[in-house]
Amino acid sequence: MKANKKTLLLLATATAFTLAVGSTYAFLFLVTKKITAETALLAEKIDELSGRESRTASSVSILRREDKNIQKISSYFFKESEVVSFAKKLEALGAQSGTKLTIEALDQGYTEKTVPFLNFRIKATGKFVDIERLLELLENFPGKLEWKTVRIVREEIPTYATQGNSTAKKIVTTNEPEWKAEVFLVALNFTNQ
């Protein structure tokens, strides 16, 4: 019986050892599986955040490179609060061209698609060459201007001059042609902000 007891004891010890090792293996397997799942979730979040950060960094880099172009484009547009400076720029064209320029009207409006625009009408008087220079300056004015009407009229304005010495003065009239231009334009680069 001694051999039986030894065998039973050995069998019991082996079974207890197998159960302990199996339980430990199962416990470690489940813990490792849980940690692997959590690590996979964290890796996904890290990839998502790094992707988002790289896209953000890329966008910021693009904006920095395009900042000059954005400023250039925005300089072609003017806001409702900048209408006065726009009018001053228009009036300065009169001095640049050598004409006497007046702004007759500045009217805001909206297209059927609620796009804001600014109508303006100017009148200018001067020599034909000066009127032509004014029209060229208006054509090259920054922004998008739509020409509605242009009317150029020649006016005869008499000017008086004296001839002769101080005792025998004679008044002579000369007719120098002066030109008058009326231009109706629409500024399409007007924003309502």
N, C-alpha and C. Protein backbone atom coordinates (compact mmCIF):
# COMPACT_ATOMS: atom_id res chain seq x y z
N MET A 1 0.76 -1.15 0.00
CA MET A 1 0.00 0.00 0.00
C MET A 1 0.83 1.26 0.00
N LYS A 2 1.98 1.05 0.42
CA LYS A 2 2.88 2.18 0.43
C LYS A 2 3.08 2.70 -0.98
N ALA A 3 3.14 1.81 -1.94
CA ALA A 3 3.35 2.23 -3.31
C ALA A 3 2.11 2.94 -3.83
N ASN A 4 0.95 2.47 -3.40
CA ASN A 4 -0.29 3.12 -3.79
C ASN A 4 -0.39 4.53 -3.22
N LYS A 5 -0.02 4.69 -1.98
CA LYS A 5 -0.08 6.00 -1.34
C LYS A 5 0.90 6.94 -2.01
N LYS A 6 2.05 6.41 -2.34
CA LYS A 6 3.05 7.24 -3.00
C LYS A 6 2.52 7.65 -4.37
N THR A 7 1.91 6.75 -5.07
CA THR A 7 1.40 7.04 -6.40
C THR A 7 0.26 8.04 -6.32
N LEU A 8 -0.64 7.82 -5.33
CA LEU A 8 -1.74 8.75 -5.15
C LEU A 8 -1.23 10.13 -4.75
N LEU A 9 -0.27 10.15 -3.89
CA LEU A 9 0.31 11.43 -3.47
C LEU A 9 0.97 12.12 -4.65
N LEU A 10 1.67 11.36 -5.44
CA LEU A 10 2.31 11.92 -6.62
C LEU A 10 1.25 12.41 -7.62
N LEU A 11 0.21 11.64 -7.79
CA LEU A 11 -0.88 12.02 -8.69
C LEU A 11 -1.59 13.27 -8.19
N ALA A 12 -1.83 13.36 -6.92
CA ALA A 12 -2.48 14.53 -6.33
C ALA A 12 -1.58 15.75 -6.47
N THR A 13 -0.30 15.57 -6.23
CA THR A 13 0.65 16.68 -6.35
C THR A 13 0.73 17.12 -7.81
N ALA A 14 0.78 16.20 -8.73
CA ALA A 14 0.86 16.53 -10.15
C ALA A 14 -0.42 17.24 -10.60
N THR A 15 -1.56 16.76 -10.11
CA THR A 15 -2.83 17.39 -10.47
C THR A 15 -2.90 18.81 -9.90
N ALA A 16 -2.49 18.99 -8.65
CA ALA A 16 -2.49 20.32 -8.03
C ALA A 16 -1.53 21.24 -8.76
N PHE A 17 -0.37 20.73 -9.11
CA PHE A 17 0.61 21.53 -9.84
C PHE A 17 0.06 21.90 -11.22
N THR A 18 -0.58 20.96 -11.92
CA THR A 18 -1.15 21.22 -13.24
C THR A 18 -2.26 22.27 -13.14
N LEU A 19 -3.10 22.14 -12.11
CA LEU A 19 -4.16 23.13 -11.92
C LEU A 19 -3.58 24.52 -11.62
N ALA A 20 -2.54 24.57 -10.81
CA ALA A 20 -1.92 25.86 -10.47
C ALA A 20 -1.28 26.48 -11.71
N VAL A 21 -0.55 25.67 -12.48
CA VAL A 21 0.10 26.18 -13.69
C VAL A 21 -0.95 26.58 -14.72
N GLY A 22 -1.97 25.77 -14.89
CA GLY A 22 -3.04 26.07 -15.84
C GLY A 22 -3.78 27.35 -15.45
N SER A 23 -4.08 27.50 -14.15
CA SER A 23 -4.76 28.72 -13.68
C SER A 23 -3.89 29.94 -13.90
N THR A 24 -2.61 29.81 -13.59
CA THR A 24 -1.68 30.93 -13.79
C THR A 24 -1.60 31.28 -15.27
N TYR A 25 -1.53 30.24 -16.13
CA TYR A 25 -1.46 30.48 -17.57
C TYR A 25 -2.75 31.15 -18.06
N ALA A 26 -3.88 30.70 -17.62
CA ALA A 26 -5.16 31.29 -18.02
C ALA A 26 -5.26 32.74 -17.54
N PHE A 27 -4.83 32.97 -16.27
CA PHE A 27 -4.85 34.34 -15.74
C PHE A 27 -3.94 35.24 -16.55
N LEU A 28 -2.72 34.80 -16.80
CA LEU A 28 -1.77 35.61 -17.57
C LEU A 28 -2.27 35.82 -19.01
N PHE A 29 -2.90 34.80 -19.62
CA PHE A 29 -3.44 34.92 -20.96
C PHE A 29 -4.53 35.99 -21.02
N LEU A 30 -5.45 35.96 -20.06
CA LEU A 30 -6.54 36.95 -20.02
C LEU A 30 -6.01 38.36 -19.76
N VAL A 31 -5.06 38.50 -18.87
CA VAL A 31 -4.47 39.81 -18.58
C VAL A 31 -3.75 40.33 -19.83
N THR A 32 -3.00 39.48 -20.50
CA THR A 32 -2.27 39.88 -21.70
C THR A 32 -3.24 40.27 -22.81
N LYS A 33 -4.35 39.51 -22.94
CA LYS A 33 -5.35 39.82 -23.95
C LYS A 33 -5.99 41.19 -23.67
N LYS A 34 -6.28 41.46 -22.41
CA LYS A 34 -6.88 42.75 -22.03
C LYS A 34 -5.90 43.89 -22.29
N ILE A 35 -4.64 43.71 -21.93
CA ILE A 35 -3.63 44.75 -22.14
C ILE A 35 -3.42 44.97 -23.65
N THR A 36 -3.43 43.90 -24.44
CA THR A 36 -3.27 44.02 -25.88
C THR A 36 -4.43 44.81 -26.49
N ALA A 37 -5.65 44.53 -26.04
CA ALA A 37 -6.82 45.27 -26.55
C ALA A 37 -6.72 46.75 -26.18
N GLU A 38 -6.34 47.04 -24.94
CA GLU A 38 -6.20 48.44 -24.51
C GLU A 38 -5.07 49.13 -25.27
N THR A 39 -3.99 48.40 -25.52
CA THR A 39 -2.87 48.97 -26.27
C THR A 39 -3.29 49.26 -27.72
N ALA A 40 -4.08 48.37 -28.29
CA ALA A 40 -4.56 48.61 -29.66
C ALA A 40 -5.44 49.85 -29.71
N LEU A 41 -6.32 50.03 -28.70
CA LEU A 41 -7.15 51.24 -28.62
C LEU A 41 -6.29 52.48 -28.49
N LEU A 42 -5.29 52.42 -27.61
CA LEU A 42 -4.39 53.57 -27.43
C LEU A 42 -3.61 53.85 -28.71
N ALA A 43 -3.17 52.82 -29.40
CA ALA A 43 -2.43 53.00 -30.64
C ALA A 43 -3.32 53.67 -31.69
N GLU A 44 -4.60 53.27 -31.76
CA GLU A 44 -5.55 53.90 -32.69
C GLU A 44 -5.72 55.38 -32.36
N LYS A 45 -5.88 55.68 -31.09
CA LYS A 45 -6.05 57.09 -30.68
C LYS A 45 -4.80 57.89 -30.97
N ILE A 46 -3.64 57.29 -30.73
CA ILE A 46 -2.38 57.98 -31.00
C ILE A 46 -2.25 58.25 -32.50
N ASP A 47 -2.59 57.25 -33.33
CA ASP A 47 -2.53 57.44 -34.78
C ASP A 47 -3.51 58.53 -35.22
N GLU A 48 -4.70 58.52 -34.64
CA GLU A 48 -5.70 59.53 -34.99
C GLU A 48 -5.22 60.92 -34.59
N LEU A 49 -4.69 61.03 -33.37
CA LEU A 49 -4.20 62.34 -32.92
C LEU A 49 -2.99 62.80 -33.72
N SER A 50 -2.08 61.89 -34.00
CA SER A 50 -0.90 62.30 -34.77
C SER A 50 -1.30 62.67 -36.20
N GLY A 51 -2.28 61.96 -36.76
CA GLY A 51 -2.78 62.32 -38.09
C GLY A 51 -3.44 63.68 -38.07
N ARG A 52 -4.23 63.93 -37.03
CA ARG A 52 -4.89 65.22 -36.90
C ARG A 52 -3.86 66.33 -36.71
N GLU A 53 -2.85 66.07 -35.88
CA GLU A 53 -1.80 67.07 -35.66
C GLU A 53 -1.00 67.32 -36.94
N SER A 54 -0.72 66.25 -37.67
CA SER A 54 0.05 66.45 -38.90
C SER A 54 -0.78 67.21 -39.93
N ARG A 55 -2.08 66.93 -40.00
CA ARG A 55 -2.94 67.70 -40.92
C ARG A 55 -3.03 69.15 -40.48
N THR A 56 -3.13 69.37 -39.17
CA THR A 56 -3.17 70.75 -38.66
C THR A 56 -1.85 71.46 -38.96
N ALA A 57 -0.75 70.79 -38.71
CA ALA A 57 0.56 71.40 -39.00
C ALA A 57 0.71 71.67 -40.49
N SER A 58 0.23 70.75 -41.30
CA SER A 58 0.28 70.94 -42.75
C SER A 58 -0.58 72.12 -43.18
N SER A 59 -1.77 72.23 -42.59
CA SER A 59 -2.67 73.35 -42.92
C SER A 59 -2.05 74.68 -42.49
N VAL A 60 -1.46 74.72 -41.32
CA VAL A 60 -0.82 75.95 -40.85
C VAL A 60 0.34 76.32 -41.76
N SER A 61 1.10 75.32 -42.18
CA SER A 61 2.22 75.57 -43.09
C SER A 61 1.72 76.13 -44.42
N ILE A 62 0.64 75.56 -44.95
CA ILE A 62 0.08 76.05 -46.20
C ILE A 62 -0.43 77.47 -46.04
N LEU A 63 -1.11 77.74 -44.93
CA LEU A 63 -1.62 79.10 -44.68
C LEU A 63 -0.49 80.11 -44.57
N ARG A 64 0.60 79.71 -43.95
CA ARG A 64 1.73 80.64 -43.84
C ARG A 64 2.33 80.93 -45.21
N ARG A 65 2.42 79.89 -46.04
CA ARG A 65 2.97 80.09 -47.39
C ARG A 65 2.02 80.93 -48.24
N GLU A 66 0.73 80.74 -48.06
CA GLU A 66 -0.27 81.44 -48.86
C GLU A 66 -0.71 82.77 -48.26
N ASP A 67 -0.12 83.16 -47.13
CA ASP A 67 -0.53 84.39 -46.46
C ASP A 67 -0.37 85.61 -47.36
N LYS A 68 0.71 85.67 -48.12
CA LYS A 68 0.92 86.81 -49.02
C LYS A 68 -0.16 86.86 -50.09
N ASN A 69 -0.51 85.69 -50.63
CA ASN A 69 -1.56 85.64 -51.65
C ASN A 69 -2.91 86.01 -51.06
N ILE A 70 -3.17 85.56 -49.84
CA ILE A 70 -4.43 85.89 -49.17
C ILE A 70 -4.51 87.39 -48.94
N GLN A 71 -3.42 88.00 -48.49
CA GLN A 71 -3.41 89.45 -48.28
C GLN A 71 -3.59 90.19 -49.61
N LYS A 72 -2.98 89.68 -50.66
CA LYS A 72 -3.10 90.31 -51.96
C LYS A 72 -4.54 90.24 -52.46
N ILE A 73 -5.16 89.08 -52.30
CA ILE A 73 -6.55 88.92 -52.73
C ILE A 73 -7.47 89.79 -51.88
N SER A 74 -7.25 89.81 -50.57
CA SER A 74 -8.14 90.60 -49.72
C SER A 74 -7.94 92.10 -49.95
N SER A 75 -6.78 92.50 -50.49
CA SER A 75 -6.60 93.93 -50.78
C SER A 75 -7.46 94.37 -51.96
N TYR A 76 -7.89 93.44 -52.80
CA TYR A 76 -8.76 93.78 -53.91
C TYR A 76 -10.21 94.01 -53.47
N PHE A 77 -10.55 93.56 -52.28
CA PHE A 77 -11.90 93.73 -51.76
C PHE A 77 -11.89 94.86 -50.74
N PHE A 78 -12.99 95.57 -50.66
CA PHE A 78 -13.10 96.59 -49.63
C PHE A 78 -14.46 96.45 -48.95
N LYS A 79 -14.46 96.81 -47.68
CA LYS A 79 -15.64 96.62 -46.84
C LYS A 79 -16.47 97.89 -46.81
N GLU A 80 -17.64 97.75 -46.24
CA GLU A 80 -18.55 98.89 -46.12
C GLU A 80 -17.91 100.03 -45.33
N SER A 81 -17.10 99.67 -44.34
CA SER A 81 -16.44 100.71 -43.53
C SER A 81 -15.31 101.40 -44.30
N GLU A 82 -14.90 100.85 -45.43
CA GLU A 82 -13.79 101.41 -46.21
C GLU A 82 -14.28 102.19 -47.44
N VAL A 83 -15.56 102.51 -47.50
CA VAL A 83 -16.11 103.22 -48.65
C VAL A 83 -15.49 104.61 -48.77
N VAL A 84 -15.24 105.25 -47.64
CA VAL A 84 -14.66 106.60 -47.66
C VAL A 84 -13.26 106.56 -48.26
N SER A 85 -12.45 105.59 -47.84
CA SER A 85 -11.10 105.51 -48.42
C SER A 85 -11.16 105.12 -49.89
N PHE A 86 -12.15 104.30 -50.27
CA PHE A 86 -12.35 103.97 -51.69
C PHE A 86 -12.68 105.23 -52.48
N ALA A 87 -13.56 106.08 -51.93
CA ALA A 87 -13.92 107.33 -52.61
C ALA A 87 -12.71 108.26 -52.73
N LYS A 88 -11.87 108.28 -51.70
CA LYS A 88 -10.66 109.13 -51.76
C LYS A 88 -9.70 108.62 -52.83
N LYS A 89 -9.60 107.30 -52.97
CA LYS A 89 -8.74 106.75 -54.02
C LYS A 89 -9.27 107.12 -55.39
N LEU A 90 -10.60 107.09 -55.54
CA LEU A 90 -11.20 107.50 -56.82
C LEU A 90 -10.93 108.97 -57.10
N GLU A 91 -11.10 109.81 -56.08
CA GLU A 91 -10.86 111.24 -56.27
C GLU A 91 -9.40 111.52 -56.59
N ALA A 92 -8.49 110.71 -56.05
CA ALA A 92 -7.06 110.88 -56.34
C ALA A 92 -6.76 110.61 -57.81
N LEU A 93 -7.60 109.81 -58.46
CA LEU A 93 -7.39 109.55 -59.89
C LEU A 93 -7.56 110.82 -60.71
N GLY A 94 -8.40 111.74 -60.24
CA GLY A 94 -8.57 113.01 -60.93
C GLY A 94 -7.27 113.80 -60.95
N ALA A 95 -6.61 113.87 -59.80
CA ALA A 95 -5.34 114.60 -59.74
C ALA A 95 -4.26 113.89 -60.57
N GLN A 96 -4.27 112.56 -60.56
CA GLN A 96 -3.28 111.81 -61.33
C GLN A 96 -3.46 112.01 -62.83
N SER A 97 -4.69 112.14 -63.26
CA SER A 97 -4.95 112.27 -64.69
C SER A 97 -4.99 113.71 -65.16
N GLY A 98 -5.05 114.66 -64.23
CA GLY A 98 -5.10 116.06 -64.61
C GLY A 98 -6.51 116.54 -64.92
N THR A 99 -7.51 115.83 -64.44
CA THR A 99 -8.90 116.22 -64.67
C THR A 99 -9.51 116.72 -63.37
N LYS A 100 -10.63 117.40 -63.51
CA LYS A 100 -11.40 117.80 -62.35
C LYS A 100 -12.47 116.74 -62.16
N LEU A 101 -12.33 115.91 -61.15
CA LEU A 101 -13.18 114.75 -60.96
C LEU A 101 -14.09 114.95 -59.76
N THR A 102 -15.36 114.63 -59.92
CA THR A 102 -16.30 114.63 -58.79
C THR A 102 -17.06 113.32 -58.80
N ILE A 103 -17.30 112.82 -57.61
CA ILE A 103 -18.10 111.61 -57.46
C ILE A 103 -19.54 112.06 -57.26
N GLU A 104 -20.39 111.68 -58.18
CA GLU A 104 -21.79 112.11 -58.15
C GLU A 104 -22.63 111.21 -57.25
N ALA A 105 -22.35 109.91 -57.20
CA ALA A 105 -23.18 109.00 -56.42
C ALA A 105 -22.38 107.78 -55.99
N LEU A 106 -22.70 107.29 -54.81
CA LEU A 106 -22.19 106.02 -54.29
C LEU A 106 -23.39 105.30 -53.69
N ASP A 107 -23.85 104.25 -54.34
CA ASP A 107 -25.04 103.53 -53.89
C ASP A 107 -24.71 102.06 -53.70
N GLN A 108 -25.08 101.52 -52.53
CA GLN A 108 -24.90 100.11 -52.27
C GLN A 108 -26.12 99.34 -52.76
N GLY A 109 -25.90 98.10 -53.12
CA GLY A 109 -27.01 97.27 -53.56
C GLY A 109 -26.66 95.80 -53.45
N TYR A 110 -27.64 94.96 -53.81
CA TYR A 110 -27.46 93.51 -53.79
C TYR A 110 -27.97 92.92 -55.09
N THR A 111 -27.28 91.90 -55.57
CA THR A 111 -27.77 91.18 -56.73
C THR A 111 -28.89 90.24 -56.28
N GLU A 112 -29.52 89.55 -57.24
CA GLU A 112 -30.59 88.63 -56.87
C GLU A 112 -30.08 87.48 -56.02
N LYS A 113 -28.77 87.24 -56.03
CA LYS A 113 -28.18 86.17 -55.21
C LYS A 113 -27.61 86.75 -53.92
N THR A 114 -28.05 87.92 -53.54
CA THR A 114 -27.64 88.65 -52.33
C THR A 114 -26.14 88.87 -52.26
N VAL A 115 -25.53 89.12 -53.40
CA VAL A 115 -24.11 89.49 -53.44
C VAL A 115 -24.06 91.01 -53.42
N PRO A 116 -23.31 91.60 -52.45
CA PRO A 116 -23.27 93.06 -52.37
C PRO A 116 -22.44 93.67 -53.49
N PHE A 117 -22.83 94.87 -53.91
CA PHE A 117 -22.06 95.62 -54.88
C PHE A 117 -22.22 97.10 -54.56
N LEU A 118 -21.38 97.92 -55.20
CA LEU A 118 -21.40 99.36 -54.97
C LEU A 118 -21.44 100.06 -56.32
N ASN A 119 -22.54 100.78 -56.59
CA ASN A 119 -22.66 101.58 -57.80
C ASN A 119 -22.01 102.93 -57.54
N PHE A 120 -21.30 103.45 -58.51
CA PHE A 120 -20.81 104.83 -58.36
C PHE A 120 -20.77 105.50 -59.73
N ARG A 121 -21.03 106.78 -59.69
CA ARG A 121 -21.04 107.59 -60.91
C ARG A 121 -20.08 108.76 -60.69
N ILE A 122 -19.20 108.95 -61.66
CA ILE A 122 -18.25 110.06 -61.56
C ILE A 122 -18.38 110.94 -62.78
N LYS A 123 -18.05 112.20 -62.58
CA LYS A 123 -17.98 113.16 -63.68
C LYS A 123 -16.59 113.78 -63.64
N ALA A 124 -16.04 113.98 -64.82
CA ALA A 124 -14.71 114.57 -64.92
C ALA A 124 -14.67 115.52 -66.10
N THR A 125 -13.95 116.61 -65.94
CA THR A 125 -13.76 117.56 -67.03
C THR A 125 -12.27 117.81 -67.20
N GLY A 126 -11.87 118.03 -68.44
CA GLY A 126 -10.47 118.30 -68.74
C GLY A 126 -10.21 118.12 -70.22
N LYS A 127 -8.96 118.13 -70.58
CA LYS A 127 -8.57 117.92 -71.97
C LYS A 127 -8.83 116.45 -72.33
N PHE A 128 -8.96 116.20 -73.63
CA PHE A 128 -9.27 114.85 -74.09
C PHE A 128 -8.20 113.86 -73.63
N VAL A 129 -6.94 114.26 -73.70
CA VAL A 129 -5.84 113.38 -73.29
C VAL A 129 -5.97 113.04 -71.81
N ASP A 130 -6.36 114.03 -71.01
CA ASP A 130 -6.52 113.79 -69.57
C ASP A 130 -7.70 112.88 -69.29
N ILE A 131 -8.80 113.06 -70.03
CA ILE A 131 -9.96 112.18 -69.87
C ILE A 131 -9.58 110.75 -70.25
N GLU A 132 -8.82 110.61 -71.32
CA GLU A 132 -8.38 109.29 -71.76
C GLU A 132 -7.50 108.64 -70.69
N ARG A 133 -6.60 109.42 -70.09
CA ARG A 133 -5.74 108.91 -69.01
C ARG A 133 -6.57 108.49 -67.81
N LEU A 134 -7.61 109.25 -67.48
CA LEU A 134 -8.50 108.90 -66.36
C LEU A 134 -9.18 107.56 -66.62
N LEU A 135 -9.66 107.36 -67.84
CA LEU A 135 -10.33 106.10 -68.16
C LEU A 135 -9.36 104.92 -68.08
N GLU A 136 -8.11 105.14 -68.48
CA GLU A 136 -7.11 104.09 -68.36
C GLU A 136 -6.82 103.79 -66.90
N LEU A 137 -6.76 104.82 -66.06
CA LEU A 137 -6.54 104.60 -64.63
C LEU A 137 -7.71 103.85 -64.02
N LEU A 138 -8.92 104.15 -64.44
CA LEU A 138 -10.09 103.41 -63.94
C LEU A 138 -10.06 101.95 -64.39
N GLU A 139 -9.61 101.72 -65.62
CA GLU A 139 -9.51 100.34 -66.10
C GLU A 139 -8.52 99.53 -65.29
N ASN A 140 -7.44 100.17 -64.86
CA ASN A 140 -6.40 99.48 -64.12
C ASN A 140 -6.58 99.60 -62.61
N PHE A 141 -7.70 100.12 -62.17
CA PHE A 141 -7.97 100.26 -60.74
C PHE A 141 -8.07 98.87 -60.13
N PRO A 142 -7.44 98.65 -58.96
CA PRO A 142 -7.48 97.30 -58.37
C PRO A 142 -8.90 96.90 -57.99
N GLY A 143 -9.23 95.69 -58.32
CA GLY A 143 -10.55 95.18 -58.02
C GLY A 143 -11.31 94.90 -59.29
N LYS A 144 -12.55 94.50 -59.13
CA LYS A 144 -13.38 94.15 -60.28
C LYS A 144 -14.43 95.22 -60.46
N LEU A 145 -14.28 96.00 -61.52
CA LEU A 145 -15.24 97.06 -61.85
C LEU A 145 -15.98 96.68 -63.12
N GLU A 146 -17.29 96.80 -63.06
CA GLU A 146 -18.11 96.55 -64.24
C GLU A 146 -18.53 97.90 -64.80
N TRP A 147 -18.22 98.12 -66.06
CA TRP A 147 -18.53 99.39 -66.71
C TRP A 147 -19.98 99.32 -67.21
N LYS A 148 -20.80 100.25 -66.74
CA LYS A 148 -22.19 100.31 -67.19
C LYS A 148 -22.33 101.29 -68.36
N THR A 149 -21.96 102.55 -68.13
CA THR A 149 -22.03 103.54 -69.21
C THR A 149 -20.82 104.47 -69.13
N VAL A 150 -20.40 104.92 -70.31
CA VAL A 150 -19.35 105.93 -70.42
C VAL A 150 -19.86 106.93 -71.45
N ARG A 151 -19.88 108.18 -71.05
CA ARG A 151 -20.33 109.22 -71.97
C ARG A 151 -19.29 110.32 -71.97
N ILE A 152 -18.75 110.61 -73.16
CA ILE A 152 -17.75 111.67 -73.30
C ILE A 152 -18.33 112.71 -74.25
N VAL A 153 -18.37 113.97 -73.78
CA VAL A 153 -18.97 115.07 -74.54
C VAL A 153 -17.94 116.19 -74.64
N ARG A 154 -17.91 116.78 -75.84
CA ARG A 154 -17.01 117.93 -76.04
C ARG A 154 -17.81 119.20 -75.79
N GLU A 155 -17.24 120.08 -74.99
CA GLU A 155 -17.90 121.36 -74.68
C GLU A 155 -16.99 122.50 -75.10
N GLU A 156 -17.56 123.49 -75.73
CA GLU A 156 -16.81 124.68 -76.12
C GLU A 156 -16.96 125.70 -74.98
N ILE A 157 -15.85 126.03 -74.38
CA ILE A 157 -15.87 127.02 -73.30
C ILE A 157 -15.06 128.22 -73.76
N PRO A 158 -15.71 129.37 -73.89
CA PRO A 158 -14.97 130.54 -74.37
C PRO A 158 -14.03 131.06 -73.27
N THR A 159 -12.83 131.41 -73.67
CA THR A 159 -11.88 132.05 -72.76
C THR A 159 -11.49 133.39 -73.39
N TYR A 160 -11.25 134.35 -72.56
CA TYR A 160 -10.97 135.71 -73.03
C TYR A 160 -9.52 136.05 -72.76
N ALA A 161 -8.91 136.70 -73.76
CA ALA A 161 -7.52 137.15 -73.62
C ALA A 161 -7.43 138.55 -74.21
N THR A 162 -6.48 139.32 -73.71
CA THR A 162 -6.29 140.69 -74.23
C THR A 162 -5.07 140.72 -75.12
N GLN A 163 -5.16 141.52 -76.18
CA GLN A 163 -4.05 141.71 -77.10
C GLN A 163 -3.73 143.19 -77.18
N GLY A 164 -2.50 143.45 -77.43
CA GLY A 164 -2.11 144.84 -77.65
C GLY A 164 -1.44 145.44 -76.44
N ASN A 165 -1.08 146.74 -76.57
CA ASN A 165 -0.41 147.43 -75.46
C ASN A 165 -1.45 147.98 -74.50
N SER A 166 -0.98 148.71 -73.54
CA SER A 166 -1.87 149.18 -72.47
C SER A 166 -2.86 150.23 -72.94
N THR A 167 -2.54 150.99 -73.99
CA THR A 167 -3.48 152.02 -74.46
C THR A 167 -4.53 151.47 -75.39
N ALA A 168 -4.17 150.49 -76.19
CA ALA A 168 -5.14 149.95 -77.15
C ALA A 168 -5.32 148.46 -76.89
N LYS A 169 -6.16 148.15 -75.94
CA LYS A 169 -6.41 146.74 -75.61
C LYS A 169 -7.57 146.24 -76.44
N LYS A 170 -7.42 145.04 -76.89
CA LYS A 170 -8.45 144.42 -77.69
C LYS A 170 -8.76 143.06 -77.05
N ILE A 171 -10.03 142.77 -76.81
CA ILE A 171 -10.44 141.51 -76.20
C ILE A 171 -10.70 140.50 -77.30
N VAL A 172 -10.02 139.37 -77.19
CA VAL A 172 -10.13 138.31 -78.19
C VAL A 172 -10.68 137.07 -77.48
N THR A 173 -11.66 136.43 -78.09
CA THR A 173 -12.19 135.19 -77.52
C THR A 173 -11.65 134.02 -78.30
N THR A 174 -11.21 133.04 -77.57
CA THR A 174 -10.75 131.80 -78.19
C THR A 174 -11.55 130.66 -77.59
N ASN A 175 -11.92 129.77 -78.43
CA ASN A 175 -12.68 128.62 -77.95
C ASN A 175 -11.76 127.42 -77.82
N GLU A 176 -11.41 127.11 -76.57
CA GLU A 176 -10.60 125.91 -76.32
C GLU A 176 -11.55 124.77 -75.98
N PRO A 177 -11.43 123.66 -76.65
CA PRO A 177 -12.35 122.56 -76.35
C PRO A 177 -12.05 121.93 -75.00
N GLU A 178 -13.08 121.69 -74.25
CA GLU A 178 -12.96 120.97 -73.00
C GLU A 178 -13.88 119.77 -73.08
N TRP A 179 -13.44 118.69 -72.48
CA TRP A 179 -14.20 117.44 -72.57
C TRP A 179 -14.79 117.11 -71.21
N LYS A 180 -15.96 116.54 -71.26
CA LYS A 180 -16.66 116.15 -70.03
C LYS A 180 -16.98 114.67 -70.14
N ALA A 181 -16.62 113.91 -69.13
CA ALA A 181 -16.89 112.47 -69.13
C ALA A 181 -17.79 112.13 -67.95
N GLU A 182 -18.80 111.33 -68.23
CA GLU A 182 -19.66 110.79 -67.19
C GLU A 182 -19.54 109.27 -67.26
N VAL A 183 -19.15 108.67 -66.15
CA VAL A 183 -18.89 107.24 -66.12
C VAL A 183 -19.72 106.62 -65.00
N PHE A 184 -20.44 105.56 -65.32
CA PHE A 184 -21.22 104.82 -64.34
C PHE A 184 -20.63 103.42 -64.22
N LEU A 185 -20.15 103.09 -63.02
CA LEU A 185 -19.46 101.82 -62.79
C LEU A 185 -20.08 101.08 -61.61
N VAL A 186 -19.83 99.79 -61.55
CA VAL A 186 -20.25 98.96 -60.42
C VAL A 186 -19.02 98.26 -59.88
N ALA A 187 -18.76 98.44 -58.59
CA ALA A 187 -17.65 97.75 -57.94
C ALA A 187 -18.16 96.40 -57.43
N LEU A 188 -17.69 95.33 -58.03
CA LEU A 188 -18.14 94.00 -57.64
C LEU A 188 -17.27 93.40 -56.53
N ASN A 189 -16.21 94.09 -56.17
CA ASN A 189 -15.34 93.62 -55.11
C ASN A 189 -15.66 94.27 -53.77
N PHE A 190 -16.92 94.55 -53.58
CA PHE A 190 -17.40 95.20 -52.36
C PHE A 190 -17.98 94.14 -51.44
N THR A 191 -17.57 94.14 -50.18
CA THR A 191 -18.13 93.20 -49.20
C THR A 191 -18.88 93.99 -48.16
N ASN A 192 -19.86 93.36 -47.58
CA ASN A 192 -20.78 94.03 -46.68
C ASN A 192 -20.44 93.77 -45.21
N GLN A 193 -19.19 93.54 -44.88
CA GLN A 193 -18.82 93.18 -43.51
C GLN A 193 -18.12 94.31 -42.83
